[in-house]
């Protein structure tokens, strides 16, 4: 099998894992159709409010121009009260923004493979220190054993990470069970 076909198969497998964790559309609509639902439909306004939040860590706004988070957040459609599983969250640039948007009634699972520990250092612990993002939980799992039950998430995101599917750190495990033959 040529490499591009393996990449497509691996990406499809990861997407399938993410979709299994997502709630059916009817459950998402029912959960977000209550009072104030009209306010949550303006995803661009929610993104703008999160980006303008003064509690964002120093230096992250410098990445906004390159990352285009207003466009990304408006596109993904995160709303207050949602459950979001963020695959390969890294140091948590988007985790921070997701947390602000889903609010106290929502949750964010910040997933990173254990093999990222050397790369990330203490960035995740620093971001979550002292309960500053109380609706965020860190999950240190590989892609083939994601830490979310079937039908428990409203949304699964994977931003800037798919290029690392075949990454294997020196002396470490791969990020998941990816076919290599």
N, C-alpha and C. Protein backbone atom coordinates (compact mmCIF):
# COMPACT_ATOMS: atom_id res chain seq x y z
N UNK A 1 0.84 -1.16 0.00
CA UNK A 1 0.00 0.00 0.00
C UNK A 1 0.90 1.24 0.00
N UNK A 2 0.61 2.21 -0.84
CA UNK A 2 1.45 3.40 -0.88
C UNK A 2 1.12 4.32 0.29
N UNK A 3 2.07 5.18 0.64
CA UNK A 3 1.94 6.02 1.84
C UNK A 3 0.68 6.87 1.84
N UNK A 4 0.31 7.49 0.72
CA UNK A 4 -0.87 8.35 0.71
C UNK A 4 -2.14 7.56 1.01
N UNK A 5 -2.21 6.33 0.54
CA UNK A 5 -3.37 5.49 0.86
C UNK A 5 -3.39 5.15 2.34
N UNK A 6 -2.22 4.88 2.93
CA UNK A 6 -2.15 4.60 4.37
C UNK A 6 -2.60 5.82 5.16
N UNK A 7 -2.17 6.99 4.74
CA UNK A 7 -2.56 8.22 5.42
C UNK A 7 -4.07 8.41 5.37
N UNK A 8 -4.67 8.17 4.20
CA UNK A 8 -6.12 8.30 4.06
C UNK A 8 -6.84 7.31 4.97
N UNK A 9 -6.34 6.07 5.01
CA UNK A 9 -6.96 5.05 5.86
C UNK A 9 -6.83 5.42 7.33
N UNK A 10 -5.67 5.89 7.75
CA UNK A 10 -5.45 6.27 9.14
C UNK A 10 -6.33 7.45 9.52
N UNK A 11 -6.42 8.43 8.65
CA UNK A 11 -7.26 9.58 8.91
C UNK A 11 -8.73 9.16 9.00
N UNK A 12 -9.16 8.30 8.11
CA UNK A 12 -10.54 7.81 8.15
C UNK A 12 -10.82 7.07 9.46
N UNK A 13 -9.86 6.29 9.92
CA UNK A 13 -10.04 5.55 11.18
C UNK A 13 -10.17 6.52 12.35
N UNK A 14 -9.36 7.56 12.39
CA UNK A 14 -9.43 8.55 13.47
C UNK A 14 -10.75 9.31 13.42
N UNK A 15 -11.19 9.68 12.24
CA UNK A 15 -12.46 10.37 12.10
C UNK A 15 -13.59 9.46 12.57
N UNK A 16 -13.53 8.19 12.21
CA UNK A 16 -14.56 7.24 12.64
C UNK A 16 -14.58 7.13 14.16
N UNK A 17 -13.42 7.08 14.80
CA UNK A 17 -13.36 7.03 16.26
C UNK A 17 -14.03 8.27 16.85
N UNK A 18 -13.76 9.42 16.27
CA UNK A 18 -14.37 10.64 16.74
C UNK A 18 -15.87 10.66 16.55
N UNK A 19 -16.34 10.18 15.43
CA UNK A 19 -17.78 10.17 15.16
C UNK A 19 -18.53 9.25 16.11
N UNK A 20 -17.92 8.14 16.51
CA UNK A 20 -18.57 7.23 17.43
C UNK A 20 -18.84 7.93 18.76
N UNK A 21 -17.95 8.80 19.17
CA UNK A 21 -18.11 9.50 20.45
C UNK A 21 -19.17 10.59 20.38
N UNK A 22 -19.51 11.06 19.18
CA UNK A 22 -20.46 12.16 19.04
C UNK A 22 -21.89 11.72 19.26
N UNK A 23 -22.67 12.64 19.82
CA UNK A 23 -24.10 12.41 20.00
C UNK A 23 -24.78 12.53 18.65
N UNK A 24 -25.91 11.84 18.47
CA UNK A 24 -26.68 12.05 17.24
C UNK A 24 -27.15 13.50 17.16
N UNK A 25 -27.30 14.03 15.94
CA UNK A 25 -27.71 15.42 15.76
C UNK A 25 -28.99 15.76 16.52
N UNK A 26 -29.94 14.84 16.58
CA UNK A 26 -31.20 15.12 17.26
C UNK A 26 -30.98 15.39 18.74
N UNK A 27 -30.01 14.71 19.37
CA UNK A 27 -29.72 14.95 20.78
C UNK A 27 -29.06 16.31 20.97
N UNK A 28 -28.20 16.71 20.04
CA UNK A 28 -27.53 18.01 20.15
C UNK A 28 -28.56 19.13 20.04
N UNK A 29 -29.46 19.02 19.06
CA UNK A 29 -30.50 20.04 18.87
C UNK A 29 -31.38 20.12 20.10
N UNK A 30 -31.80 18.97 20.64
CA UNK A 30 -32.66 18.96 21.82
C UNK A 30 -31.95 19.59 23.02
N UNK A 31 -30.67 19.32 23.18
CA UNK A 31 -29.93 19.85 24.32
C UNK A 31 -29.72 21.36 24.23
N UNK A 32 -29.72 21.91 23.02
CA UNK A 32 -29.42 23.33 22.85
C UNK A 32 -30.61 24.14 22.33
N UNK A 33 -31.82 23.59 22.43
CA UNK A 33 -33.01 24.28 21.95
C UNK A 33 -33.77 25.00 23.06
N UNK A 34 -33.18 25.06 24.22
CA UNK A 34 -33.87 25.68 25.35
C UNK A 34 -33.84 27.18 25.28
N UNK A 35 -34.21 27.80 26.40
CA UNK A 35 -34.23 29.25 26.51
C UNK A 35 -32.85 29.82 26.17
N UNK A 36 -32.83 30.88 25.39
CA UNK A 36 -31.56 31.51 25.03
C UNK A 36 -30.87 30.86 23.84
N UNK A 37 -31.53 29.92 23.18
CA UNK A 37 -30.90 29.22 22.06
C UNK A 37 -30.51 30.17 20.94
N UNK A 38 -31.30 31.22 20.73
CA UNK A 38 -30.98 32.15 19.65
C UNK A 38 -29.64 32.82 19.89
N UNK A 39 -29.31 33.06 21.16
CA UNK A 39 -28.03 33.69 21.47
C UNK A 39 -26.85 32.78 21.10
N UNK A 40 -27.02 31.46 21.19
CA UNK A 40 -25.92 30.54 20.94
C UNK A 40 -25.74 30.26 19.46
N UNK A 41 -26.66 30.72 18.62
CA UNK A 41 -26.54 30.45 17.20
C UNK A 41 -25.54 31.36 16.49
N UNK A 42 -25.13 32.45 17.12
CA UNK A 42 -24.19 33.37 16.50
C UNK A 42 -22.77 32.95 16.88
N UNK A 43 -22.25 31.97 16.14
CA UNK A 43 -20.94 31.40 16.46
C UNK A 43 -19.81 32.40 16.26
N UNK A 44 -19.98 33.32 15.32
CA UNK A 44 -18.96 34.34 15.12
C UNK A 44 -18.88 35.25 16.34
N UNK A 45 -20.02 35.61 16.93
CA UNK A 45 -20.03 36.46 18.12
C UNK A 45 -19.43 35.72 19.31
N UNK A 46 -19.74 34.42 19.45
CA UNK A 46 -19.16 33.62 20.53
C UNK A 46 -17.64 33.55 20.39
N UNK A 47 -17.18 33.36 19.17
CA UNK A 47 -15.73 33.31 18.92
C UNK A 47 -15.08 34.65 19.25
N UNK A 48 -15.70 35.74 18.83
CA UNK A 48 -15.15 37.07 19.09
C UNK A 48 -15.06 37.34 20.59
N UNK A 49 -16.08 36.94 21.32
CA UNK A 49 -16.08 37.15 22.77
C UNK A 49 -14.96 36.35 23.44
N UNK A 50 -14.77 35.11 23.01
CA UNK A 50 -13.70 34.27 23.58
C UNK A 50 -12.34 34.88 23.27
N UNK A 51 -12.15 35.33 22.05
CA UNK A 51 -10.87 35.92 21.65
C UNK A 51 -10.57 37.22 22.38
N UNK A 52 -11.61 37.96 22.75
CA UNK A 52 -11.43 39.23 23.44
C UNK A 52 -11.29 39.06 24.95
N UNK A 53 -11.46 37.85 25.45
CA UNK A 53 -11.41 37.61 26.89
C UNK A 53 -10.02 37.94 27.43
N UNK A 54 -9.98 38.79 28.43
CA UNK A 54 -8.70 39.25 28.98
C UNK A 54 -7.98 38.18 29.81
N UNK A 55 -8.64 37.06 30.10
CA UNK A 55 -8.00 36.01 30.89
C UNK A 55 -7.16 35.05 30.04
N UNK A 56 -7.14 35.25 28.73
CA UNK A 56 -6.29 34.41 27.88
C UNK A 56 -4.83 34.59 28.27
N UNK A 57 -4.06 33.51 28.24
CA UNK A 57 -2.64 33.60 28.62
C UNK A 57 -1.87 34.59 27.74
N UNK A 58 -0.91 35.23 28.37
CA UNK A 58 -0.05 36.17 27.65
C UNK A 58 0.59 35.48 26.45
N UNK A 59 0.66 36.15 25.36
CA UNK A 59 1.35 35.63 24.19
C UNK A 59 0.47 34.86 23.22
N UNK A 60 -0.68 34.38 23.66
CA UNK A 60 -1.51 33.59 22.74
C UNK A 60 -2.16 34.45 21.68
N UNK A 61 -2.46 35.68 22.01
CA UNK A 61 -3.08 36.54 21.00
C UNK A 61 -2.13 36.80 19.83
N UNK A 62 -0.83 36.66 20.07
CA UNK A 62 0.14 36.83 18.98
C UNK A 62 -0.03 35.77 17.90
N UNK A 63 -0.57 34.60 18.28
CA UNK A 63 -0.79 33.52 17.31
C UNK A 63 -2.12 33.64 16.57
N UNK A 64 -2.98 34.55 17.01
CA UNK A 64 -4.31 34.64 16.42
C UNK A 64 -4.29 34.95 14.92
N UNK A 65 -3.41 35.83 14.51
CA UNK A 65 -3.38 36.19 13.08
C UNK A 65 -3.03 34.97 12.23
N UNK A 66 -2.06 34.18 12.68
CA UNK A 66 -1.64 33.00 11.92
C UNK A 66 -2.68 31.87 11.97
N UNK A 67 -3.26 31.64 13.14
CA UNK A 67 -4.17 30.51 13.34
C UNK A 67 -5.61 30.77 12.87
N UNK A 68 -5.99 32.00 12.74
CA UNK A 68 -7.34 32.39 12.30
C UNK A 68 -8.43 31.77 13.17
N UNK A 69 -8.33 31.90 14.51
CA UNK A 69 -9.29 31.23 15.38
C UNK A 69 -10.73 31.72 15.23
N UNK A 70 -10.94 32.98 14.88
CA UNK A 70 -12.31 33.47 14.71
C UNK A 70 -13.00 32.68 13.61
N UNK A 71 -12.30 32.47 12.50
CA UNK A 71 -12.86 31.69 11.40
C UNK A 71 -13.07 30.24 11.78
N UNK A 72 -12.07 29.65 12.45
CA UNK A 72 -12.15 28.25 12.84
C UNK A 72 -13.31 28.02 13.80
N UNK A 73 -13.39 28.85 14.84
CA UNK A 73 -14.44 28.69 15.85
C UNK A 73 -15.83 28.91 15.26
N UNK A 74 -15.97 29.89 14.39
CA UNK A 74 -17.27 30.12 13.75
C UNK A 74 -17.65 28.92 12.88
N UNK A 75 -16.67 28.35 12.20
CA UNK A 75 -16.93 27.19 11.33
C UNK A 75 -17.35 25.96 12.13
N UNK A 76 -16.63 25.68 13.25
CA UNK A 76 -16.93 24.45 14.01
C UNK A 76 -18.25 24.54 14.74
N UNK A 77 -18.68 25.71 15.08
CA UNK A 77 -20.01 25.87 15.65
C UNK A 77 -20.16 25.44 17.10
N UNK A 78 -19.18 25.74 17.92
CA UNK A 78 -19.28 25.41 19.34
C UNK A 78 -20.22 26.40 20.01
N UNK A 79 -21.07 25.86 20.90
CA UNK A 79 -22.05 26.68 21.61
C UNK A 79 -21.96 26.42 23.11
N UNK A 80 -22.49 27.34 23.91
CA UNK A 80 -22.53 27.11 25.35
C UNK A 80 -23.25 25.80 25.69
N UNK A 81 -22.71 25.10 26.66
CA UNK A 81 -23.30 23.86 27.14
C UNK A 81 -22.87 22.61 26.40
N UNK A 82 -22.10 22.75 25.34
CA UNK A 82 -21.68 21.58 24.56
C UNK A 82 -20.58 20.79 25.27
N UNK A 83 -20.46 19.52 24.88
CA UNK A 83 -19.35 18.65 25.29
C UNK A 83 -18.44 18.51 24.08
N UNK A 84 -17.18 18.92 24.23
CA UNK A 84 -16.24 18.93 23.12
C UNK A 84 -15.04 18.05 23.46
N UNK A 85 -14.69 17.16 22.54
CA UNK A 85 -13.49 16.33 22.67
C UNK A 85 -12.48 16.86 21.69
N UNK A 86 -11.37 17.38 22.21
CA UNK A 86 -10.33 17.96 21.36
C UNK A 86 -9.18 16.98 21.23
N UNK A 87 -9.07 16.35 20.06
CA UNK A 87 -7.98 15.41 19.80
C UNK A 87 -6.69 16.17 19.58
N UNK A 88 -5.61 15.64 20.16
CA UNK A 88 -4.28 16.21 20.02
C UNK A 88 -4.29 17.71 20.30
N UNK A 89 -4.69 18.04 21.51
CA UNK A 89 -4.88 19.44 21.91
C UNK A 89 -3.59 20.21 22.07
N UNK A 90 -2.47 19.51 22.14
CA UNK A 90 -1.19 20.20 22.34
C UNK A 90 -1.20 20.95 23.66
N UNK A 91 -0.66 22.16 23.64
CA UNK A 91 -0.58 22.96 24.87
C UNK A 91 -1.91 23.60 25.24
N UNK A 92 -2.90 23.54 24.34
CA UNK A 92 -4.24 23.99 24.69
C UNK A 92 -4.68 25.34 24.18
N UNK A 93 -4.07 25.81 23.09
CA UNK A 93 -4.48 27.08 22.50
C UNK A 93 -6.00 27.09 22.25
N UNK A 94 -6.50 26.08 21.53
CA UNK A 94 -7.93 26.01 21.25
C UNK A 94 -8.72 25.55 22.48
N UNK A 95 -8.12 24.74 23.34
CA UNK A 95 -8.79 24.29 24.56
C UNK A 95 -9.28 25.50 25.35
N UNK A 96 -8.42 26.48 25.49
CA UNK A 96 -8.74 27.70 26.22
C UNK A 96 -9.99 28.37 25.64
N UNK A 97 -10.02 28.50 24.34
CA UNK A 97 -11.15 29.15 23.66
C UNK A 97 -12.41 28.31 23.75
N UNK A 98 -12.29 27.00 23.55
CA UNK A 98 -13.45 26.11 23.69
C UNK A 98 -14.05 26.24 25.09
N UNK A 99 -13.18 26.24 26.10
CA UNK A 99 -13.61 26.33 27.49
C UNK A 99 -14.46 27.58 27.72
N UNK A 100 -14.00 28.70 27.19
CA UNK A 100 -14.74 29.96 27.35
C UNK A 100 -16.10 29.90 26.67
N UNK A 101 -16.16 29.28 25.50
CA UNK A 101 -17.41 29.24 24.76
C UNK A 101 -18.41 28.26 25.38
N UNK A 102 -18.00 27.06 25.75
CA UNK A 102 -18.96 26.09 26.29
C UNK A 102 -19.44 26.49 27.68
N UNK A 103 -18.64 27.27 28.40
CA UNK A 103 -19.06 27.79 29.69
C UNK A 103 -19.18 26.74 30.77
N UNK A 104 -19.75 27.14 31.89
CA UNK A 104 -19.80 26.27 33.06
C UNK A 104 -20.72 25.06 32.88
N UNK A 105 -21.65 25.13 31.94
CA UNK A 105 -22.54 23.99 31.70
C UNK A 105 -21.98 23.03 30.66
N UNK A 106 -20.86 23.38 30.06
CA UNK A 106 -20.24 22.52 29.06
C UNK A 106 -18.98 21.86 29.59
N UNK A 107 -18.36 21.06 28.72
CA UNK A 107 -17.11 20.40 29.11
C UNK A 107 -16.21 20.27 27.89
N UNK A 108 -14.91 20.24 28.16
CA UNK A 108 -13.92 20.03 27.12
C UNK A 108 -12.96 18.95 27.60
N UNK A 109 -12.74 17.95 26.76
CA UNK A 109 -11.73 16.94 27.04
C UNK A 109 -10.54 17.26 26.14
N UNK A 110 -9.41 17.50 26.77
CA UNK A 110 -8.17 17.91 26.10
C UNK A 110 -7.29 16.67 25.96
N UNK A 111 -7.32 16.01 24.80
CA UNK A 111 -6.60 14.76 24.59
C UNK A 111 -5.23 15.00 24.00
N UNK A 112 -4.24 14.33 24.55
CA UNK A 112 -2.89 14.28 24.00
C UNK A 112 -2.33 12.89 24.26
N UNK A 113 -1.64 12.31 23.29
CA UNK A 113 -0.98 11.03 23.54
C UNK A 113 0.12 11.21 24.58
N UNK A 114 0.36 10.19 25.39
CA UNK A 114 1.42 10.25 26.39
C UNK A 114 2.78 10.52 25.75
N UNK A 115 2.95 10.09 24.51
CA UNK A 115 4.24 10.28 23.84
C UNK A 115 4.53 11.76 23.57
N UNK A 116 3.57 12.65 23.80
CA UNK A 116 3.79 14.09 23.63
C UNK A 116 4.39 14.73 24.88
N UNK A 117 4.50 13.98 25.97
CA UNK A 117 4.94 14.56 27.24
C UNK A 117 6.25 15.33 27.12
N UNK A 118 7.24 14.77 26.46
CA UNK A 118 8.52 15.48 26.32
C UNK A 118 8.38 16.74 25.48
N UNK A 119 7.55 16.68 24.46
CA UNK A 119 7.33 17.82 23.58
C UNK A 119 6.58 18.94 24.31
N UNK A 120 5.57 18.59 25.10
CA UNK A 120 4.73 19.59 25.75
C UNK A 120 5.28 20.10 27.07
N UNK A 121 6.17 19.31 27.69
CA UNK A 121 6.68 19.71 29.00
C UNK A 121 5.55 19.84 30.00
N UNK A 122 5.51 20.95 30.71
CA UNK A 122 4.46 21.16 31.71
C UNK A 122 3.37 22.11 31.21
N UNK A 123 3.28 22.32 29.90
CA UNK A 123 2.32 23.28 29.33
C UNK A 123 0.88 22.95 29.70
N UNK A 124 0.51 21.68 29.68
CA UNK A 124 -0.88 21.31 30.01
C UNK A 124 -1.15 21.57 31.49
N UNK A 125 -0.21 21.17 32.33
CA UNK A 125 -0.39 21.38 33.77
C UNK A 125 -0.48 22.87 34.10
N UNK A 126 0.35 23.68 33.45
CA UNK A 126 0.32 25.12 33.68
C UNK A 126 -1.04 25.69 33.25
N UNK A 127 -1.54 25.26 32.10
CA UNK A 127 -2.82 25.78 31.61
C UNK A 127 -3.97 25.43 32.56
N UNK A 128 -3.92 24.23 33.13
CA UNK A 128 -5.02 23.77 33.97
C UNK A 128 -4.79 24.01 35.47
N UNK A 129 -3.64 24.60 35.83
CA UNK A 129 -3.28 24.80 37.24
C UNK A 129 -4.34 25.61 37.99
N UNK A 130 -4.49 25.25 39.25
CA UNK A 130 -5.37 25.97 40.16
C UNK A 130 -6.82 26.03 39.67
N UNK A 131 -7.22 25.08 38.86
CA UNK A 131 -8.61 25.00 38.40
C UNK A 131 -9.05 26.19 37.56
N UNK A 132 -8.11 26.82 36.85
CA UNK A 132 -8.48 28.02 36.07
C UNK A 132 -9.40 27.70 34.90
N UNK A 133 -9.43 26.44 34.44
CA UNK A 133 -10.40 26.03 33.42
C UNK A 133 -11.17 24.83 34.00
N UNK A 134 -12.11 25.08 34.90
CA UNK A 134 -12.76 23.99 35.63
C UNK A 134 -13.59 23.04 34.76
N UNK A 135 -13.94 23.46 33.56
CA UNK A 135 -14.73 22.60 32.68
C UNK A 135 -13.86 21.80 31.70
N UNK A 136 -12.54 21.79 31.93
CA UNK A 136 -11.60 21.07 31.06
C UNK A 136 -10.98 19.91 31.82
N UNK A 137 -10.94 18.76 31.15
CA UNK A 137 -10.28 17.57 31.70
C UNK A 137 -9.22 17.11 30.72
N UNK A 138 -8.02 16.84 31.24
CA UNK A 138 -6.93 16.34 30.41
C UNK A 138 -7.04 14.82 30.26
N UNK A 139 -6.86 14.35 29.06
CA UNK A 139 -6.89 12.92 28.76
C UNK A 139 -5.59 12.56 28.03
N UNK A 140 -4.83 11.64 28.58
CA UNK A 140 -3.55 11.25 27.98
C UNK A 140 -3.69 9.85 27.39
N UNK A 141 -4.29 9.78 26.22
CA UNK A 141 -4.54 8.49 25.56
C UNK A 141 -4.08 8.55 24.11
N UNK A 142 -3.82 7.39 23.54
CA UNK A 142 -3.54 7.30 22.11
C UNK A 142 -4.84 7.34 21.33
N UNK A 143 -4.74 7.52 20.04
CA UNK A 143 -5.92 7.64 19.19
C UNK A 143 -6.76 6.38 19.14
N UNK A 144 -6.15 5.23 19.36
CA UNK A 144 -6.93 3.99 19.28
C UNK A 144 -7.60 3.64 20.60
N UNK A 145 -7.51 4.53 21.60
CA UNK A 145 -8.21 4.29 22.87
C UNK A 145 -8.66 5.62 23.46
N UNK A 146 -9.44 6.38 22.69
CA UNK A 146 -9.88 7.70 23.13
C UNK A 146 -10.75 7.58 24.38
N UNK A 147 -10.66 8.58 25.22
CA UNK A 147 -11.29 8.59 26.54
C UNK A 147 -12.64 9.31 26.50
N UNK A 148 -13.58 8.78 25.72
CA UNK A 148 -14.94 9.32 25.67
C UNK A 148 -15.87 8.18 25.28
N UNK A 149 -16.95 8.05 25.98
CA UNK A 149 -17.91 6.99 25.68
C UNK A 149 -18.68 7.27 24.40
N UNK A 150 -19.18 6.23 23.79
CA UNK A 150 -19.99 6.37 22.58
C UNK A 150 -21.17 7.30 22.85
N UNK A 151 -21.38 8.24 21.95
CA UNK A 151 -22.53 9.13 22.03
C UNK A 151 -22.47 10.15 23.16
N UNK A 152 -21.29 10.42 23.72
CA UNK A 152 -21.21 11.34 24.86
C UNK A 152 -20.77 12.75 24.50
N UNK A 153 -20.27 12.96 23.30
CA UNK A 153 -19.73 14.25 22.90
C UNK A 153 -20.62 14.90 21.84
N UNK A 154 -20.74 16.22 21.92
CA UNK A 154 -21.45 16.97 20.88
C UNK A 154 -20.56 17.21 19.68
N UNK A 155 -19.24 17.31 19.93
CA UNK A 155 -18.31 17.66 18.86
C UNK A 155 -16.94 17.09 19.17
N UNK A 156 -16.28 16.58 18.13
CA UNK A 156 -14.89 16.14 18.23
C UNK A 156 -14.11 16.98 17.24
N UNK A 157 -13.03 17.62 17.73
CA UNK A 157 -12.19 18.44 16.85
C UNK A 157 -10.78 17.87 16.81
N UNK A 158 -10.12 18.15 15.72
CA UNK A 158 -8.71 17.73 15.54
C UNK A 158 -8.07 18.76 14.62
N UNK A 159 -7.52 19.80 15.22
CA UNK A 159 -6.99 20.92 14.46
C UNK A 159 -5.47 20.90 14.50
N UNK A 160 -4.85 21.00 13.36
CA UNK A 160 -3.39 21.04 13.19
C UNK A 160 -2.68 19.75 13.58
N UNK A 161 -3.38 18.67 13.84
CA UNK A 161 -2.72 17.46 14.29
C UNK A 161 -2.58 16.33 13.30
N UNK A 162 -3.44 16.21 12.30
CA UNK A 162 -3.38 15.03 11.43
C UNK A 162 -2.03 14.77 10.79
N UNK A 163 -1.20 15.78 10.64
CA UNK A 163 0.10 15.59 10.01
C UNK A 163 1.03 14.73 10.87
N UNK A 164 0.67 14.48 12.11
CA UNK A 164 1.53 13.72 13.02
C UNK A 164 1.11 12.27 13.20
N UNK A 165 0.23 11.78 12.36
CA UNK A 165 -0.24 10.40 12.52
C UNK A 165 0.88 9.37 12.57
N UNK A 166 1.90 9.59 11.79
CA UNK A 166 2.99 8.62 11.73
C UNK A 166 4.17 8.99 12.60
N UNK A 167 4.02 10.03 13.41
CA UNK A 167 5.11 10.46 14.29
C UNK A 167 5.34 9.43 15.38
N UNK A 168 6.57 9.04 15.55
CA UNK A 168 6.97 8.16 16.65
C UNK A 168 8.19 8.80 17.31
N UNK A 169 8.01 9.30 18.54
CA UNK A 169 9.14 9.93 19.21
C UNK A 169 10.26 8.93 19.46
N UNK A 170 11.49 9.41 19.52
CA UNK A 170 12.64 8.54 19.77
C UNK A 170 12.40 7.75 21.04
N UNK A 171 12.43 6.43 20.92
CA UNK A 171 12.24 5.55 22.06
C UNK A 171 10.82 5.48 22.56
N UNK A 172 9.87 6.08 21.82
CA UNK A 172 8.47 6.10 22.29
C UNK A 172 7.56 5.29 21.41
N UNK A 173 6.33 5.22 21.83
CA UNK A 173 5.30 4.52 21.08
C UNK A 173 4.72 5.45 20.02
N UNK A 174 4.11 4.85 19.01
CA UNK A 174 3.42 5.66 18.01
C UNK A 174 2.16 6.23 18.66
N UNK A 175 1.49 7.11 17.96
CA UNK A 175 0.30 7.78 18.51
C UNK A 175 -0.93 6.89 18.48
N UNK A 176 -0.86 5.78 17.80
CA UNK A 176 -1.98 4.85 17.72
C UNK A 176 -1.59 3.68 16.86
N UNK A 177 -2.52 2.80 16.64
CA UNK A 177 -2.27 1.59 15.87
C UNK A 177 -2.49 1.89 14.39
N UNK A 178 -1.47 2.40 13.73
CA UNK A 178 -1.57 2.78 12.33
C UNK A 178 -0.89 1.70 11.50
N UNK A 179 -1.61 1.18 10.51
CA UNK A 179 -1.06 0.15 9.64
C UNK A 179 0.14 0.69 8.88
N UNK A 180 1.24 -0.05 8.88
CA UNK A 180 2.46 0.44 8.23
C UNK A 180 2.96 -0.48 7.12
N UNK A 181 2.19 -1.48 6.74
CA UNK A 181 2.66 -2.37 5.68
C UNK A 181 2.04 -2.03 4.36
